[in-house]
Amino acid sequence: MQAIGLAAIIGGSGLSAYSTIMGGKEAAEIGKYQQLQYESEAQAEIAAGAEEARAKRDEGRRLTASQIAAVSASGGGLVGSNLIVMAESARNVEMDALTIERNAQIRARALRTQGDLARYEGQLARRNARTRAFSDILGTAGQMYLMYKYPQPKKPAMSTTASGAPYLTNAQLPKSLR
């Protein structure tokens, strides 16, 4: 009977350790997939920022074209204050486009950092799971050693009355009371 108990303890400990290790492995894989997802989102953010900056530059070219047309229609020519206004408008448009691209880069970097953190957390969970499994196995081995080295004394079986109250049999009574 004791062998069955020891086998059950060993089996349960092994299964628990295996389950813990597999949980850590799954956490590491999830962290890796989350990192890939964040990387995809970062690339999409950069692409969206580039597209928005391109649209802003197109808008600036249309503005410059309309300014040239207005100046030409008025007969003022591209000199003096007309030229300064057009140059300032073009500079502002380019600054806006660069700001859009920089903001997209910042958001992409934040997403990549979140991805790195998700992967690190998964790796940390895997390491912790391995440590926990090893600790569980050592604890079980220690308990089994103590059970083997210091077995519990067998208690005498007690008989009970019809009401369920225990009483000692003649063999269980001390010799002085028999």
Protein backbone atom coordinates (compact mmCIF):
# COMPACT_ATOMS: atom_id res chain seq x y z
CA MET A 1 0.00 0.00 0.00
CA GLN A 2 2.89 2.33 0.78
CA ALA A 3 4.38 1.74 -2.68
CA ILE A 4 1.11 2.82 -4.30
CA GLY A 5 1.13 5.99 -2.22
CA LEU A 6 4.73 6.77 -3.16
CA ALA A 7 3.99 6.12 -6.83
CA ALA A 8 1.01 8.46 -6.64
CA ILE A 9 3.12 11.17 -4.99
CA ILE A 10 5.87 10.81 -7.60
CA GLY A 11 3.38 10.76 -10.46
CA GLY A 12 1.50 13.77 -9.13
CA SER A 13 4.71 15.71 -8.58
CA GLY A 14 5.97 14.86 -12.07
CA LEU A 15 2.68 15.84 -13.66
CA SER A 16 2.59 19.09 -11.71
CA ALA A 17 6.17 19.91 -12.74
CA TYR A 18 5.43 19.09 -16.38
CA SER A 19 2.30 21.24 -16.31
CA THR A 20 4.21 24.14 -14.75
CA ILE A 21 7.00 23.92 -17.33
CA MET A 22 4.53 23.75 -20.22
CA GLY A 23 2.67 26.79 -18.84
CA GLY A 24 5.94 28.71 -18.82
CA LYS A 25 6.72 27.60 -22.35
CA GLU A 26 3.30 28.77 -23.53
CA ALA A 27 3.80 32.13 -21.79
CA ALA A 28 7.12 32.56 -23.63
CA GLU A 29 5.49 31.74 -26.96
CA ILE A 30 2.65 34.17 -26.29
CA GLY A 31 5.21 36.86 -25.48
CA LYS A 32 6.97 36.18 -28.76
CA TYR A 33 3.71 36.41 -30.72
CA GLN A 34 2.78 39.61 -28.92
CA GLN A 35 6.14 41.08 -29.89
CA LEU A 36 5.49 40.18 -33.52
CA GLN A 37 2.06 41.79 -33.31
CA TYR A 38 3.50 44.98 -31.84
CA GLU A 39 6.17 45.01 -34.58
CA SER A 40 3.45 44.73 -37.23
CA GLU A 41 1.56 47.60 -35.62
CA ALA A 42 4.77 49.67 -35.54
CA GLN A 43 5.39 49.08 -39.24
CA ALA A 44 1.78 50.02 -39.99
CA GLU A 45 2.20 53.18 -37.92
CA ILE A 46 5.30 54.17 -39.90
CA ALA A 47 3.57 53.47 -43.20
CA ALA A 48 0.54 55.52 -42.13
CA GLY A 49 2.80 58.36 -41.02
CA ALA A 50 4.66 58.32 -44.35
CA GLU A 51 1.36 58.36 -46.24
CA GLU A 52 0.02 61.24 -44.13
CA ALA A 53 3.28 63.19 -44.67
CA ARG A 54 3.06 62.55 -48.42
CA ALA A 55 -0.51 63.87 -48.41
CA LYS A 56 0.64 66.96 -46.50
CA ARG A 57 3.40 67.59 -49.07
CA ASP A 58 0.87 67.16 -51.90
CA GLU A 59 -1.33 69.71 -50.17
CA GLY A 60 1.69 72.05 -49.98
CA ARG A 61 2.37 71.67 -53.69
CA ARG A 62 -1.25 72.51 -54.46
CA LEU A 63 -1.02 75.54 -52.18
CA THR A 64 2.17 76.69 -53.91
CA ALA A 65 0.56 76.21 -57.32
CA SER A 66 -2.49 78.24 -56.30
CA GLN A 67 -0.24 80.97 -54.86
CA ILE A 68 1.76 81.11 -58.11
CA ALA A 69 -1.48 81.32 -60.08
CA ALA A 70 -2.81 84.10 -57.85
CA VAL A 71 0.43 86.08 -58.04
CA SER A 72 0.59 85.64 -61.82
CA ALA A 73 -3.04 86.73 -62.22
CA SER A 74 -2.43 89.86 -60.18
CA GLY A 75 0.65 90.66 -62.22
CA GLY A 76 2.85 91.03 -59.15
CA GLY A 77 5.42 88.42 -60.14
CA LEU A 78 7.49 86.18 -57.89
CA VAL A 79 9.44 88.92 -56.12
CA GLY A 80 9.46 90.62 -52.75
CA SER A 81 6.73 89.83 -50.28
CA ASN A 82 4.97 87.41 -52.65
CA LEU A 83 8.09 85.25 -52.78
CA ILE A 84 8.56 85.44 -48.99
CA VAL A 85 4.93 84.32 -48.38
CA MET A 86 5.32 81.38 -50.76
CA ALA A 87 8.64 80.33 -49.23
CA GLU A 88 7.20 80.56 -45.71
CA SER A 89 4.17 78.48 -46.74
CA ALA A 90 6.40 75.81 -48.29
CA ARG A 91 8.59 75.75 -45.17
CA ASN A 92 5.53 75.37 -42.90
CA VAL A 93 4.16 72.53 -45.02
CA GLU A 94 7.50 70.69 -44.91
CA MET A 95 7.74 71.22 -41.13
CA ASP A 96 4.25 69.76 -40.74
CA ALA A 97 5.19 66.75 -42.88
CA LEU A 98 8.38 66.15 -40.86
CA THR A 99 6.42 66.44 -37.61
CA ILE A 100 3.94 63.85 -38.88
CA GLU A 101 6.78 61.46 -39.76
CA ARG A 102 8.55 62.05 -36.42
CA ASN A 103 5.35 61.41 -34.47
CA ALA A 104 4.79 58.18 -36.40
CA GLN A 105 8.36 57.11 -35.57
CA ILE A 106 7.78 57.86 -31.87
CA ARG A 107 4.55 55.85 -31.80
CA ALA A 108 6.29 52.99 -33.64
CA ARG A 109 9.15 53.00 -31.12
CA ALA A 110 6.65 52.87 -28.26
CA LEU A 111 4.95 49.85 -29.88
CA ARG A 112 8.30 48.12 -30.36
CA THR A 113 9.16 48.75 -26.72
CA GLN A 114 5.84 47.20 -25.68
CA GLY A 115 6.68 44.21 -27.87
CA ASP A 116 10.10 43.84 -26.28
CA LEU A 117 8.49 44.01 -22.85
CA ALA A 118 5.88 41.38 -23.76
CA ARG A 119 8.61 39.02 -24.98
CA TYR A 120 10.69 39.62 -21.84
CA GLU A 121 7.68 38.92 -19.61
CA GLY A 122 7.10 35.65 -21.46
CA GLN A 123 10.73 34.62 -21.02
CA LEU A 124 10.58 35.57 -17.35
CA ALA A 125 7.42 33.49 -16.89
CA ARG A 126 9.17 30.51 -18.51
CA ARG A 127 12.18 30.87 -16.18
CA ASN A 128 9.93 31.20 -13.14
CA ALA A 129 7.95 28.13 -14.20
CA ARG A 130 11.12 26.06 -14.47
CA THR A 131 12.25 27.21 -11.05
CA ARG A 132 8.82 26.45 -9.57
CA ALA A 133 8.80 22.96 -11.13
CA PHE A 134 12.29 22.19 -9.81
CA SER A 135 11.29 23.47 -6.38
CA ASP A 136 8.14 21.29 -6.38
CA ILE A 137 10.16 18.21 -7.31
CA LEU A 138 12.72 18.88 -4.57
CA GLY A 139 9.94 19.45 -2.03
CA THR A 140 8.28 16.18 -2.97
CA ALA A 141 11.60 14.33 -2.79
CA GLY A 142 12.16 15.77 0.68
CA GLN A 143 8.71 14.72 1.85
CA MET A 144 9.21 11.21 0.49
CA TYR A 145 12.59 10.95 2.24
CA LEU A 146 11.06 12.02 5.53
CA MET A 147 8.20 9.55 5.09
CA TYR A 148 10.68 6.75 4.39
CA LYS A 149 13.22 7.71 7.06
CA TYR A 150 10.71 8.52 9.79
CA PRO A 151 7.57 6.47 9.16
CA GLN A 152 4.54 7.28 11.27
CA PRO A 153 3.86 4.76 14.05
CA LYS A 154 0.90 2.54 13.41
CA LYS A 155 -2.02 3.37 15.65
CA PRO A 156 -3.94 0.50 17.17
CA ALA A 157 -7.33 -0.07 15.66
CA MET A 158 -10.12 0.91 17.97
CA SER A 159 -13.39 -0.89 18.12
CA THR A 160 -16.58 1.07 18.41
CA THR A 161 -19.84 0.47 20.16
CA ALA A 162 -23.18 0.48 18.38
CA SER A 163 -23.43 4.23 18.97
CA GLY A 164 -20.03 4.77 17.34
CA ALA A 165 -18.15 5.53 20.56
CA PRO A 166 -14.68 3.95 20.64
CA TYR A 167 -13.68 1.35 23.21
CA LEU A 168 -10.54 -0.65 23.66
CA THR A 169 -10.51 -4.37 23.13
CA ASN A 170 -9.05 -6.65 25.79
CA ALA A 171 -5.77 -6.89 23.86
CA GLN A 172 -5.51 -3.12 23.71
CA LEU A 173 -5.95 -2.58 27.44
CA PRO A 174 -2.85 -2.12 29.51
CA LYS A 175 -1.89 -5.31 31.40
CA SER A 176 -2.61 -3.70 34.72
CA LEU A 177 -6.28 -3.18 33.71
CA ARG A 178 -7.01 -6.61 32.23
